[in-house]
C-alpha atoms as a PDB file:
ATOM      1  CA  MET A   1     171.029 196.974  53.868  1.00  0.00           C
ATOM      2  CA  LYS A   2     167.059 196.561  53.327  1.00  0.00           C
ATOM      3  CA  GLU A   3     166.002 193.655  51.596  1.00  0.00           C
ATOM      4  CA  SER A   4     164.875 194.420  47.955  1.00  0.00           C
ATOM      5  CA  ILE A   5     161.304 193.373  46.795  1.00  0.00           C
ATOM      6  CA  PHE A   6     162.811 190.668  44.530  1.00  0.00           C
ATOM      7  CA  ASP A   7     165.216 189.324  47.254  1.00  0.00           C
ATOM      8  CA  GLN A   8     161.979 188.920  49.317  1.00  0.00           C
ATOM      9  CA  ILE A   9     160.052 187.175  46.395  1.00  0.00           C
ATOM     10  CA  GLU A  10     162.868 184.720  45.727  1.00  0.00           C
ATOM     11  CA  ARG A  11     163.467 184.114  49.674  1.00  0.00           C
ATOM     12  CA  LEU A  12     159.796 183.346  50.276  1.00  0.00           C
ATOM     13  CA  GLU A  13     159.595 181.717  46.633  1.00  0.00           C
ATOM     14  CA  HIS A  14     156.474 183.462  45.388  1.00  0.00           C
ATOM     15  CA  GLU A  15     155.334 182.716  41.945  1.00  0.00           C
ATOM     16  CA  GLN A  16     153.958 185.974  40.984  1.00  0.00           C
ATOM     17  CA  VAL A  17     153.033 189.608  42.195  1.00  0.00           C
ATOM     18  CA  VAL A  18     151.155 192.005  40.671  1.00  0.00           C
ATOM     19  CA  LEU A  19     150.793 195.681  41.226  1.00  0.00           C
ATOM     20  CA  CYS A  20     147.750 197.340  40.152  1.00  0.00           C
ATOM     21  CA  ASN A  21     147.185 201.002  39.557  1.00  0.00           C
ATOM     22  CA  ASP A  22     144.314 203.117  38.530  1.00  0.00           C
ATOM     23  CA  LYS A  23     144.309 206.679  38.250  1.00  0.00           C
ATOM     24  CA  HIS A  24     140.550 207.384  38.155  1.00  0.00           C
ATOM     25  CA  THR A  25     139.572 205.439  41.156  1.00  0.00           C
ATOM     26  CA  GLY A  26     143.063 205.909  42.980  1.00  0.00           C
ATOM     27  CA  LEU A  27     143.437 201.999  43.381  1.00  0.00           C
ATOM     28  CA  LYS A  28     147.028 200.895  44.335  1.00  0.00           C
ATOM     29  CA  ALA A  29     146.686 197.152  45.042  1.00  0.00           C
ATOM     30  CA  ILE A  30     149.395 194.307  45.258  1.00  0.00           C
ATOM     31  CA  ILE A  31     148.117 190.854  44.623  1.00  0.00           C
ATOM     32  CA  ALA A  32     150.848 188.228  45.975  1.00  0.00           C
ATOM     33  CA  ILE A  33     150.549 184.578  44.838  1.00  0.00           C
ATOM     34  CA  HIS A  34     152.780 182.254  46.498  1.00  0.00           C
ATOM     35  CA  ASP A  35     152.094 178.747  45.582  1.00  0.00           C
ATOM     36  CA  THR A  36     149.519 177.041  43.350  1.00  0.00           C
ATOM     37  CA  THR A  37     150.790 173.345  43.674  1.00  0.00           C
ATOM     38  CA  LEU A  38     147.671 172.460  45.544  1.00  0.00           C
ATOM     39  CA  GLY A  39     145.181 174.436  43.347  1.00  0.00           C
ATOM     40  CA  PRO A  40     144.331 178.165  42.650  1.00  0.00           C
ATOM     41  CA  ALA A  41     145.466 180.547  45.153  1.00  0.00           C
ATOM     42  CA  LEU A  42     142.560 181.897  47.535  1.00  0.00           C
ATOM     43  CA  GLY A  43     143.189 184.625  49.970  1.00  0.00           C
ATOM     44  CA  GLY A  44     141.331 187.729  51.244  1.00  0.00           C
ATOM     45  CA  THR A  45     141.766 191.438  50.272  1.00  0.00           C
ATOM     46  CA  ARG A  46     142.714 193.907  52.881  1.00  0.00           C
ATOM     47  CA  MET A  47     142.620 197.653  52.909  1.00  0.00           C
ATOM     48  CA  TRP A  48     145.201 199.356  55.089  1.00  0.00           C
ATOM     49  CA  ASN A  49     146.989 202.836  55.319  1.00  0.00           C
ATOM     50  CA  TYR A  50     150.431 201.431  55.001  1.00  0.00           C
ATOM     51  CA  SER A  51     153.135 203.718  55.801  1.00  0.00           C
ATOM     52  CA  SER A  52     154.982 202.774  52.893  1.00  0.00           C
ATOM     53  CA  HIS A  53     154.339 201.286  49.451  1.00  0.00           C
ATOM     54  CA  GLU A  54     157.304 198.695  50.518  1.00  0.00           C
ATOM     55  CA  ASP A  55     155.492 197.880  53.950  1.00  0.00           C
ATOM     56  CA  ALA A  56     152.371 196.947  51.770  1.00  0.00           C
ATOM     57  CA  ILE A  57     154.425 194.595  49.667  1.00  0.00           C
ATOM     58  CA  THR A  58     156.154 192.965  52.435  1.00  0.00           C
ATOM     59  CA  ASP A  59     152.549 192.517  54.178  1.00  0.00           C
ATOM     60  CA  ALA A  60     151.425 190.889  51.200  1.00  0.00           C
ATOM     61  CA  LEU A  61     154.240 188.688  50.735  1.00  0.00           C
ATOM     62  CA  ARG A  62     154.296 187.393  54.186  1.00  0.00           C
ATOM     63  CA  LEU A  63     150.471 186.773  54.306  1.00  0.00           C
ATOM     64  CA  SER A  64     149.981 184.999  51.057  1.00  0.00           C
ATOM     65  CA  ARG A  65     153.044 182.712  52.236  1.00  0.00           C
ATOM     66  CA  GLY A  66     150.942 181.924  55.225  1.00  0.00           C
ATOM     67  CA  MET A  67     147.712 181.266  53.117  1.00  0.00           C
ATOM     68  CA  THR A  68     149.816 178.685  51.072  1.00  0.00           C
ATOM     69  CA  TYR A  69     150.565 176.836  54.647  1.00  0.00           C
ATOM     70  CA  LYS A  70     146.876 177.572  55.673  1.00  0.00           C
ATOM     71  CA  ALA A  71     145.403 175.683  53.057  1.00  0.00           C
ATOM     72  CA  ALA A  72     148.132 172.849  52.838  1.00  0.00           C
ATOM     73  CA  ILE A  73     147.682 171.970  56.565  1.00  0.00           C
ATOM     74  CA  SER A  74     143.959 172.195  56.525  1.00  0.00           C
ATOM     75  CA  GLY A  75     143.779 169.636  53.625  1.00  0.00           C
ATOM     76  CA  LEU A  76     142.397 171.895  51.256  1.00  0.00           C
ATOM     77  CA  ASN A  77     142.998 172.056  47.484  1.00  0.00           C
ATOM     78  CA  LEU A  78     143.888 175.499  47.190  1.00  0.00           C
ATOM     79  CA  GLY A  79     147.101 177.661  46.831  1.00  0.00           C
ATOM     80  CA  GLY A  80     148.063 180.676  48.728  1.00  0.00           C
ATOM     81  CA  GLY A  81     147.733 184.117  47.768  1.00  0.00           C
ATOM     82  CA  LYS A  82     146.599 187.503  49.153  1.00  0.00           C
ATOM     83  CA  ALA A  83     145.783 191.214  48.204  1.00  0.00           C
ATOM     84  CA  VAL A  84     146.661 194.404  49.882  1.00  0.00           C
ATOM     85  CA  ILE A  85     144.721 197.751  48.834  1.00  0.00           C
ATOM     86  CA  ILE A  86     146.813 200.907  49.874  1.00  0.00           C
ATOM     87  CA  GLY A  87     144.490 203.441  51.299  1.00  0.00           C
ATOM     88  CA  ASP A  88     141.972 204.849  53.939  1.00  0.00           C
ATOM     89  CA  PRO A  89     139.322 202.334  54.319  1.00  0.00           C
ATOM     90  CA  SER A  90     136.709 205.162  54.764  1.00  0.00           C
ATOM     91  CA  THR A  91     137.412 205.988  50.850  1.00  0.00           C
ATOM     92  CA  LYS A  92     135.844 202.777  49.586  1.00  0.00           C
ATOM     93  CA  SER A  93     133.689 203.205  46.739  1.00  0.00           C
ATOM     94  CA  GLU A  94     131.941 200.836  44.221  1.00  0.00           C
ATOM     95  CA  GLU A  95     133.990 202.077  41.314  1.00  0.00           C
ATOM     96  CA  LEU A  96     137.148 201.193  43.369  1.00  0.00           C
ATOM     97  CA  TRP A  97     136.123 197.513  43.807  1.00  0.00           C
ATOM     98  CA  ARG A  98     134.783 197.161  40.469  1.00  0.00           C
ATOM     99  CA  ARG A  99     138.256 198.230  38.932  1.00  0.00           C
ATOM    100  CA  TYR A 100     140.035 195.878  41.467  1.00  0.00           C
ATOM    101  CA  GLY A 101     137.519 193.151  40.392  1.00  0.00           C
ATOM    102  CA  LYS A 102     138.609 193.574  36.677  1.00  0.00           C
ATOM    103  CA  PHE A 103     142.296 193.301  37.979  1.00  0.00           C
ATOM    104  CA  VAL A 104     141.290 189.819  39.661  1.00  0.00           C
ATOM    105  CA  ASN A 105     139.463 188.658  36.498  1.00  0.00           C
ATOM    106  CA  SER A 106     142.769 189.370  34.625  1.00  0.00           C
ATOM    107  CA  LEU A 107     144.454 186.744  36.350  1.00  0.00           C
ATOM    108  CA  ASN A 108     141.799 183.991  35.068  1.00  0.00           C
ATOM    109  CA  GLY A 109     141.167 182.234  38.269  1.00  0.00           C
ATOM    110  CA  LYS A 110     144.795 181.929  39.621  1.00  0.00           C
ATOM    111  CA  TYR A 111     143.835 184.164  42.195  1.00  0.00           C
ATOM    112  CA  ILE A 112     140.588 184.233  43.902  1.00  0.00           C
ATOM    113  CA  THR A 113     139.778 186.816  46.528  1.00  0.00           C
ATOM    114  CA  ALA A 114     137.738 187.015  49.679  1.00  0.00           C
ATOM    115  CA  GLU A 115     137.278 189.318  52.627  1.00  0.00           C
ATOM    116  CA  ASP A 116     140.201 190.453  54.984  1.00  0.00           C
ATOM    117  CA  VAL A 117     140.700 193.283  57.059  1.00  0.00           C
ATOM    118  CA  ASN A 118     138.547 196.338  56.325  1.00  0.00           C
ATOM    119  CA  THR A 119     136.803 194.635  53.756  1.00  0.00           C
ATOM    120  CA  SER A 120     133.168 193.280  53.854  1.00  0.00           C
ATOM    121  CA  THR A 121     130.686 190.923  51.760  1.00  0.00           C
ATOM    122  CA  LYS A 122     129.367 194.383  50.156  1.00  0.00           C
ATOM    123  CA  ASP A 123     132.663 195.038  48.778  1.00  0.00           C
ATOM    124  CA  MET A 124     132.799 191.352  47.541  1.00  0.00           C
ATOM    125  CA  GLU A 125     129.671 191.930  46.035  1.00  0.00           C
ATOM    126  CA  TYR A 126     131.056 194.696  43.867  1.00  0.00           C
ATOM    127  CA  ILE A 127     134.063 192.526  42.792  1.00  0.00           C
ATOM    128  CA  HIS A 128     131.757 189.752  41.687  1.00  0.00           C
ATOM    129  CA  MET A 129     130.020 192.329  39.205  1.00  0.00           C
ATOM    130  CA  GLU A 130     133.426 192.022  37.325  1.00  0.00           C
ATOM    131  CA  THR A 131     134.628 188.683  38.136  1.00  0.00           C
ATOM    132  CA  LYS A 132     133.543 185.118  39.367  1.00  0.00           C
ATOM    133  CA  HIS A 133     136.938 184.871  40.920  1.00  0.00           C
ATOM    134  CA  VAL A 134     135.675 185.791  44.369  1.00  0.00           C
ATOM    135  CA  THR A 135     134.257 184.052  47.321  1.00  0.00           C
ATOM    136  CA  GLY A 136     132.483 185.546  50.749  1.00  0.00           C
ATOM    137  CA  ILE A 137     129.700 186.955  48.601  1.00  0.00           C
ATOM    138  CA  PRO A 138     126.281 187.684  50.393  1.00  0.00           C
ATOM    139  CA  HIS A 139     123.970 184.767  51.015  1.00  0.00           C
ATOM    140  CA  TYR A 140     121.431 186.305  48.933  1.00  0.00           C
ATOM    141  CA  MET A 141     123.692 186.031  45.852  1.00  0.00           C
ATOM    142  CA  GLY A 142     124.290 182.530  46.677  1.00  0.00           C
ATOM    143  CA  GLY A 143     127.385 182.788  48.719  1.00  0.00           C
ATOM    144  CA  SER A 144     128.627 181.743  52.082  1.00  0.00           C
ATOM    145  CA  GLY A 145     128.612 185.340  53.435  1.00  0.00           C
ATOM    146  CA  ASP A 146     131.100 186.455  56.109  1.00  0.00           C
ATOM    147  CA  PRO A 147     133.825 183.809  57.038  1.00  0.00           C
ATOM    148  CA  SER A 148     134.549 185.880  60.297  1.00  0.00           C
ATOM    149  CA  PRO A 149     132.334 183.444  62.629  1.00  0.00           C
ATOM    150  CA  PHE A 150     134.219 180.380  61.289  1.00  0.00           C
ATOM    151  CA  THR A 151     137.667 182.114  61.567  1.00  0.00           C
ATOM    152  CA  ALA A 152     136.468 182.871  65.222  1.00  0.00           C
ATOM    153  CA  TYR A 153     135.070 179.348  65.975  1.00  0.00           C
ATOM    154  CA  GLY A 154     138.274 177.728  64.648  1.00  0.00           C
ATOM    155  CA  THR A 155     140.126 180.022  67.022  1.00  0.00           C
ATOM    156  CA  PHE A 156     137.816 179.174  69.909  1.00  0.00           C
ATOM    157  CA  CYS A 157     138.291 175.485  69.220  1.00  0.00           C
ATOM    158  CA  GLY A 158     142.159 175.801  69.006  1.00  0.00           C
ATOM    159  CA  ILE A 159     142.180 177.739  72.080  1.00  0.00           C
ATOM    160  CA  LYS A 160     140.388 174.811  73.749  1.00  0.00           C
ATOM    161  CA  ALA A 161     142.928 172.320  72.502  1.00  0.00           C
ATOM    162  CA  CYS A 162     145.748 174.647  73.886  1.00  0.00           C
ATOM    163  CA  ALA A 163     144.172 174.496  77.273  1.00  0.00           C
ATOM    164  CA  ASN A 164     143.915 170.915  77.006  1.00  0.00           C
ATOM    165  CA  LYS A 165     147.177 170.511  76.188  1.00  0.00           C
ATOM    166  CA  ARG A 166     148.759 172.744  78.907  1.00  0.00           C
ATOM    167  CA  TRP A 167     146.123 172.051  81.731  1.00  0.00           C
ATOM    168  CA  GLY A 168     144.743 168.703  80.895  1.00  0.00           C
ATOM    169  CA  SER A 169     141.332 169.934  80.427  1.00  0.00           C
ATOM    170  CA  ASP A 170     139.642 172.305  77.728  1.00  0.00           C
ATOM    171  CA  ASP A 171     137.080 174.052  80.161  1.00  0.00           C
ATOM    172  CA  LEU A 172     137.929 177.504  80.081  1.00  0.00           C
ATOM    173  CA  THR A 173     135.939 178.661  83.311  1.00  0.00           C
ATOM    174  CA  GLY A 174     137.670 181.269  84.873  1.00  0.00           C
ATOM    175  CA  LYS A 175     140.508 181.407  82.615  1.00  0.00           C
ATOM    176  CA  LYS A 176     141.817 185.063  82.002  1.00  0.00           C
ATOM    177  CA  ILE A 177     141.998 185.568  78.312  1.00  0.00           C
ATOM    178  CA  MET A 178     143.247 188.658  76.524  1.00  0.00           C
ATOM    179  CA  VAL A 179     141.755 189.334  73.062  1.00  0.00           C
ATOM    180  CA  GLN A 180     143.755 192.079  71.196  1.00  0.00           C
ATOM    181  CA  GLY A 181     141.827 193.494  68.534  1.00  0.00           C
ATOM    182  CA  VAL A 182     137.891 193.159  68.429  1.00  0.00           C
ATOM    183  CA  GLY A 183     136.909 193.521  64.925  1.00  0.00           C
ATOM    184  CA  HIS A 184     134.658 191.301  63.214  1.00  0.00           C
ATOM    185  CA  VAL A 185     136.741 188.014  64.163  1.00  0.00           C
ATOM    186  CA  GLY A 186     137.445 189.210  67.527  1.00  0.00           C
ATOM    187  CA  GLN A 187     133.928 190.206  68.736  1.00  0.00           C
ATOM    188  CA  TYR A 188     133.011 186.561  67.553  1.00  0.00           C
ATOM    189  CA  LEU A 189     135.736 185.012  69.552  1.00  0.00           C
ATOM    190  CA  VAL A 190     134.820 187.114  72.793  1.00  0.00           C
ATOM    191  CA  ASP A 191     131.425 185.909  72.430  1.00  0.00           C
ATOM    192  CA  HIS A 192     132.449 182.078  72.452  1.00  0.00           C
ATOM    193  CA  LEU A 193     134.827 182.695  75.222  1.00  0.00           C
ATOM    194  CA  CYS A 194     132.572 184.515  77.331  1.00  0.00           C
ATOM    195  CA  LYS A 195     129.938 181.738  76.873  1.00  0.00           C
ATOM    196  CA  ALA A 196     132.569 179.166  77.939  1.00  0.00           C
ATOM    197  CA  GLY A 197     133.038 180.961  81.395  1.00  0.00           C
ATOM    198  CA  ALA A 198     136.321 182.849  80.636  1.00  0.00           C
ATOM    199  CA  GLU A 199     137.434 186.236  82.006  1.00  0.00           C
ATOM    200  CA  VAL A 200     137.870 188.171  79.116  1.00  0.00           C
ATOM    201  CA  PHE A 201     139.965 191.401  78.605  1.00  0.00           C
ATOM    202  CA  ILE A 202     139.880 193.198  75.383  1.00  0.00           C
ATOM    203  CA  CYS A 203     142.004 195.629  73.856  1.00  0.00           C
ATOM    204  CA  ASP A 204     141.832 197.860  70.573  1.00  0.00           C
ATOM    205  CA  ILE A 205     142.477 201.017  68.985  1.00  0.00           C
ATOM    206  CA  ASN A 206     138.845 201.645  67.632  1.00  0.00           C
ATOM    207  CA  ASP A 207     136.992 203.072  70.471  1.00  0.00           C
ATOM    208  CA  THR A 208     133.414 202.116  68.789  1.00  0.00           C
ATOM    209  CA  LYS A 209     134.574 198.111  68.610  1.00  0.00           C
ATOM    210  CA  LEU A 210     135.415 198.515  72.343  1.00  0.00           C
ATOM    211  CA  LYS A 211     132.007 199.833  73.167  1.00  0.00           C
ATOM    212  CA  GLU A 212     129.925 197.435  71.087  1.00  0.00           C
ATOM    213  CA  THR A 213     131.966 194.422  72.422  1.00  0.00           C
ATOM    214  CA  LYS A 214     131.432 195.758  76.174  1.00  0.00           C
ATOM    215  CA  VAL A 215     127.671 195.955  75.335  1.00  0.00           C
ATOM    216  CA  ALA A 216     127.366 192.645  74.164  1.00  0.00           C
ATOM    217  CA  ASN A 217     129.603 191.028  76.583  1.00  0.00           C
ATOM    218  CA  LYS A 218     131.122 191.190  80.106  1.00  0.00           C
ATOM    219  CA  VAL A 219     134.613 192.192  79.439  1.00  0.00           C
ATOM    220  CA  THR A 220     137.349 194.378  80.867  1.00  0.00           C
ATOM    221  CA  VAL A 221     138.784 197.128  78.592  1.00  0.00           C
ATOM    222  CA  VAL A 222     142.519 197.531  78.676  1.00  0.00           C
ATOM    223  CA  THR A 223     144.692 200.019  77.186  1.00  0.00           C
ATOM    224  CA  PRO A 224     147.294 199.228  74.349  1.00  0.00           C
ATOM    225  CA  GLU A 225     149.750 200.208  77.469  1.00  0.00           C
ATOM    226  CA  GLU A 226     148.487 198.082  79.796  1.00  0.00           C
ATOM    227  CA  MET A 227     147.902 195.074  77.865  1.00  0.00           C
ATOM    228  CA  PHE A 228     151.061 193.151  78.331  1.00  0.00           C
ATOM    229  CA  LYS A 229     151.284 194.157  81.949  1.00  0.00           C
ATOM    230  CA  THR A 230     148.081 192.769  82.563  1.00  0.00           C
ATOM    231  CA  ALA A 231     148.391 189.067  84.037  1.00  0.00           C
ATOM    232  CA  VAL A 232     146.560 186.469  81.909  1.00  0.00           C
ATOM    233  CA  ASP A 233     146.332 182.857  81.283  1.00  0.00           C
ATOM    234  CA  ILE A 234     145.995 183.046  77.351  1.00  0.00           C
ATOM    235  CA  TYR A 235     147.037 185.846  75.067  1.00  0.00           C
ATOM    236  CA  ALA A 236     144.624 185.755  71.899  1.00  0.00           C
ATOM    237  CA  PRO A 237     146.093 188.281  69.219  1.00  0.00           C
ATOM    238  CA  CYS A 238     143.446 188.999  66.744  1.00  0.00           C
ATOM    239  CA  ALA A 239     144.569 192.253  65.044  1.00  0.00           C
ATOM    240  CA  MET A 240     147.501 193.140  62.686  1.00  0.00           C
ATOM    241  CA  GLY A 241     150.718 190.776  62.772  1.00  0.00           C
ATOM    242  CA  GLU A 242     154.241 190.769  64.332  1.00  0.00           C
ATOM    243  CA  THR A 243     152.881 191.260  68.025  1.00  0.00           C
ATOM    244  CA  ILE A 244     155.213 188.801  69.377  1.00  0.00           C
ATOM    245  CA  ASN A 245     158.582 190.188  68.954  1.00  0.00           C
ATOM    246  CA  ASP A 246     161.765 191.513  70.720  1.00  0.00           C
ATOM    247  CA  GLU A 247     159.968 194.108  72.691  1.00  0.00           C
ATOM    248  CA  THR A 248     156.788 192.076  73.870  1.00  0.00           C
ATOM    249  CA  ILE A 249     158.377 188.675  74.654  1.00  0.00           C
ATOM    250  CA  PRO A 250     159.853 189.790  77.720  1.00  0.00           C
ATOM    251  CA  GLN A 251     156.627 191.135  78.991  1.00  0.00           C
ATOM    252  CA  LEU A 252     154.281 188.057  78.598  1.00  0.00           C
ATOM    253  CA  THR A 253     152.833 186.602  81.368  1.00  0.00           C
ATOM    254  CA  CYS A 254     150.665 184.238  79.690  1.00  0.00           C
ATOM    255  CA  GLU A 255     150.938 180.543  79.382  1.00  0.00           C
ATOM    256  CA  ILE A 256     149.342 179.976  75.924  1.00  0.00           C
ATOM    257  CA  ILE A 257     149.375 182.202  72.803  1.00  0.00           C
ATOM    258  CA  ALA A 258     146.311 181.271  70.463  1.00  0.00           C
ATOM    259  CA  GLY A 259     144.776 183.924  68.330  1.00  0.00           C
ATOM    260  CA  ALA A 260     143.337 184.846  64.921  1.00  0.00           C
ATOM    261  CA  ALA A 261     145.869 187.177  63.765  1.00  0.00           C
ATOM    262  CA  ASN A 262     148.274 186.344  60.645  1.00  0.00           C
ATOM    263  CA  ASN A 263     152.026 186.467  60.964  1.00  0.00           C
ATOM    264  CA  GLN A 264     151.950 186.929  64.998  1.00  0.00           C
ATOM    265  CA  LEU A 265     155.710 186.325  65.080  1.00  0.00           C
ATOM    266  CA  LYS A 266     157.508 188.964  63.784  1.00  0.00           C
ATOM    267  CA  VAL A 267     160.736 186.553  62.965  1.00  0.00           C
ATOM    268  CA  GLU A 268     159.241 183.078  62.860  1.00  0.00           C
ATOM    269  CA  LYS A 269     162.343 181.139  64.042  1.00  0.00           C
ATOM    270  CA  THR A 270     164.030 183.471  66.656  1.00  0.00           C
ATOM    271  CA  HIS A 271     160.529 184.547  68.164  1.00  0.00           C
ATOM    272  CA  GLY A 272     159.208 181.094  67.972  1.00  0.00           C
ATOM    273  CA  GLU A 273     162.342 179.783  69.714  1.00  0.00           C
ATOM    274  CA  ALA A 274     162.011 182.548  72.548  1.00  0.00           C
ATOM    275  CA  ILE A 275     158.287 181.825  73.298  1.00  0.00           C
ATOM    276  CA  LYS A 276     159.174 177.917  73.258  1.00  0.00           C
ATOM    277  CA  GLU A 277     162.205 178.715  76.013  1.00  0.00           C
ATOM    278  CA  LYS A 278     159.743 180.814  77.949  1.00  0.00           C
ATOM    279  CA  GLY A 279     157.649 177.696  78.421  1.00  0.00           C
ATOM    280  CA  ILE A 280     154.685 179.362  76.420  1.00  0.00           C
ATOM    281  CA  LEU A 281     152.510 176.937  74.290  1.00  0.00           C
ATOM    282  CA  TYR A 282     151.993 178.598  70.887  1.00  0.00           C
ATOM    283  CA  ALA A 283     149.217 177.630  68.604  1.00  0.00           C
ATOM    284  CA  PRO A 284     150.624 178.353  64.809  1.00  0.00           C
ATOM    285  CA  ASP A 285     148.640 181.081  63.465  1.00  0.00           C
ATOM    286  CA  PHE A 286     147.767 179.895  59.916  1.00  0.00           C
ATOM    287  CA  LEU A 287     146.519 176.583  61.417  1.00  0.00           C
ATOM    288  CA  ILE A 288     144.224 177.956  64.275  1.00  0.00           C
ATOM    289  CA  ASN A 289     143.028 180.729  62.064  1.00  0.00           C
ATOM    290  CA  ALA A 290     142.043 178.604  59.233  1.00  0.00           C
ATOM    291  CA  GLY A 291     138.344 178.380  59.613  1.00  0.00           C
ATOM    292  CA  GLY A 292     137.585 181.342  57.379  1.00  0.00           C
ATOM    293  CA  LEU A 293     139.446 179.783  54.643  1.00  0.00           C
ATOM    294  CA  MET A 294     137.676 176.393  54.865  1.00  0.00           C
ATOM    295  CA  ASN A 295     134.132 178.096  54.615  1.00  0.00           C
ATOM    296  CA  VAL A 296     135.210 180.395  51.600  1.00  0.00           C
ATOM    297  CA  GLY A 297     137.147 177.412  50.205  1.00  0.00           C
ATOM    298  CA  ALA A 298     134.021 175.101  50.110  1.00  0.00           C
ATOM    299  CA  GLU A 299     132.125 178.290  48.441  1.00  0.00           C
ATOM    300  CA  ALA A 300     134.952 178.548  45.527  1.00  0.00           C
ATOM    301  CA  TYR A 301     134.563 174.781  44.773  1.00  0.00           C
ATOM    302  CA  ASN A 302     130.910 174.902  44.733  1.00  0.00           C
ATOM    303  CA  VAL A 303     130.543 172.285  47.429  1.00  0.00           C
ATOM    304  CA  TYR A 304     129.390 174.507  50.273  1.00  0.00           C
ATOM    305  CA  ASN A 305     127.596 172.935  53.145  1.00  0.00           C
ATOM    306  CA  LYS A 306     127.405 174.888  56.434  1.00  0.00           C
ATOM    307  CA  ASP A 307     127.360 171.574  58.595  1.00  0.00           C
ATOM    308  CA  LYS A 308     130.170 170.060  56.771  1.00  0.00           C
ATOM    309  CA  VAL A 309     132.249 173.128  56.898  1.00  0.00           C
ATOM    310  CA  THR A 310     131.500 173.337  60.713  1.00  0.00           C
ATOM    311  CA  ALA A 311     132.824 169.898  61.331  1.00  0.00           C
ATOM    312  CA  ASP A 312     135.866 170.967  59.190  1.00  0.00           C
ATOM    313  CA  VAL A 313     136.536 173.715  61.258  1.00  0.00           C
ATOM    314  CA  GLU A 314     136.133 171.770  64.885  1.00  0.00           C
ATOM    315  CA  GLY A 315     138.994 169.557  63.111  1.00  0.00           C
ATOM    316  CA  ILE A 316     141.355 172.251  64.152  1.00  0.00           C
ATOM    317  CA  TYR A 317     141.091 171.010  67.791  1.00  0.00           C
ATOM    318  CA  ASP A 318     142.732 167.630  66.565  1.00  0.00           C
ATOM    319  CA  ARG A 319     145.066 169.099  64.037  1.00  0.00           C
ATOM    320  CA  LEU A 320     146.667 171.268  66.834  1.00  0.00           C
ATOM    321  CA  HIS A 321     147.390 168.242  68.998  1.00  0.00           C
ATOM    322  CA  MET A 322     149.121 166.622  65.868  1.00  0.00           C
ATOM    323  CA  ILE A 323     151.105 169.564  65.584  1.00  0.00           C
ATOM    324  CA  PHE A 324     152.203 169.521  69.303  1.00  0.00           C
ATOM    325  CA  ASN A 325     153.080 165.914  69.356  1.00  0.00           C
ATOM    326  CA  LYS A 326     155.097 166.383  65.846  1.00  0.00           C
ATOM    327  CA  ALA A 327     156.933 169.341  67.593  1.00  0.00           C
ATOM    328  CA  GLU A 328     158.021 167.331  70.739  1.00  0.00           C
ATOM    329  CA  ALA A 329     158.888 164.178  68.810  1.00  0.00           C
ATOM    330  CA  GLU A 330     161.075 166.086  66.781  1.00  0.00           C
ATOM    331  CA  GLY A 331     162.376 168.305  68.951  1.00  0.00           C
ATOM    332  CA  MET A 332     161.314 171.759  67.194  1.00  0.00           C
ATOM    333  CA  THR A 333     158.960 174.553  67.427  1.00  0.00           C
ATOM    334  CA  ASN A 334     155.115 174.318  66.899  1.00  0.00           C
ATOM    335  CA  GLN A 335     155.383 176.944  64.173  1.00  0.00           C
ATOM    336  CA  ALA A 336     158.337 174.739  62.543  1.00  0.00           C
ATOM    337  CA  ALA A 337     156.322 171.719  62.835  1.00  0.00           C
ATOM    338  CA  ALA A 338     153.203 173.117  61.124  1.00  0.00           C
ATOM    339  CA  ILE A 339     155.342 174.634  58.437  1.00  0.00           C
ATOM    340  CA  LYS A 340     157.197 171.114  57.757  1.00  0.00           C
ATOM    341  CA  MET A 341     153.670 169.530  57.535  1.00  0.00           C
ATOM    342  CA  ALA A 342     152.237 171.636  55.161  1.00  0.00           C
ATOM    343  CA  GLU A 343     155.462 171.674  52.990  1.00  0.00           C
ATOM    344  CA  GLU A 344     155.425 167.936  53.110  1.00  0.00           C
ATOM    345  CA  ARG A 345     151.965 167.809  51.548  1.00  0.00           C
ATOM    346  CA  ILE A 346     152.898 170.357  49.005  1.00  0.00           C
ATOM    347  CA  ALA A 347     156.006 168.449  47.922  1.00  0.00           C
ATOM    348  CA  ALA A 348     153.983 165.216  47.855  1.00  0.00           C
ATOM    349  CA  VAL A 349     151.318 166.576  45.675  1.00  0.00           C
ATOM    350  CA  GLY A 350     153.912 168.778  43.416  1.00  0.00           C
ATOM    351  CA  LYS A 351     155.576 165.067  42.932  1.00  0.00           C
ATOM    352  CA  ILE A 352     152.219 163.650  41.500  1.00  0.00           C
ATOM    353  CA  ASN A 353     151.617 166.618  39.389  1.00  0.00           C
ATOM    354  CA  ALA A 354     154.893 166.384  37.933  1.00  0.00           C
ATOM    355  CA  VAL A 355     154.481 162.729  36.557  1.00  0.00           C
ATOM    356  CA  LEU A 356     150.673 163.576  35.097  1.00  0.00           C
END
């Protein structure tokens, strides 16, 4: 029997889920607020043609939970939230974003939105016309702009940390790396990897993105059918989630999985243990891809300084080593160790809040 929405909310321990509907604009959105112990829930809004409303809700719930852990493990005073809009990204309009902005504003700052898949700084500008609870707005409006470069740079730092752990050096020269998904984050990541001397393979369902990436860097394009059959040292998932599953794990030839996608493990415990047993080093997704959140988080608190944010993002390198050491010492997967560390911080702060 399929798990009901309320069963999912209870199991994942969400505080609030808001369904937004507007007949005039065709807006159908879901705002999921997971945990606000550390601060207001900050997380991007993505637009996707989900096959069902149930799939959209499940995605919002999983993504918002990941944002809670991402903020907690990164030392940010933010909670976890995420929003999804059901629909074709090509149909985006000013009126849709402004109507959505009114829904965000109705939450009175409990949820702060930002960019995500298929959304842009221009979309955030429209949202900003209706609410101040939005980050990642354009530079000319005083915002921090597109967070994708920071997400990509943090992922690059994380890949180097994984290389250091696995091979004793973070030099990526000659390493074969498969980047799945070359959207905003993926393209920036490819640029970093190529400059570091890696041999980069790319895969995407968007031919335009493949062509753009191939023009900008020396890469090898691989079809989705060939992707898991291609022998590489590192697999960097940077598209949608759940690519590490029962079907793909037996095909994996890599020694490291480190990418920017959210919710890479289809079933957290089962597939985290499966890749560990296979000897693959895994970088917990909500840690390695936290750079973008660090960037918009600084903007949200009006303390934005690019140099400070860059230094914080580079800290992902050392934080991953902390997780690797914790996982080894406590006999658990890297994902479980990262979740435990995040939950310990939330619990500690929650106890302080309880007595204030």
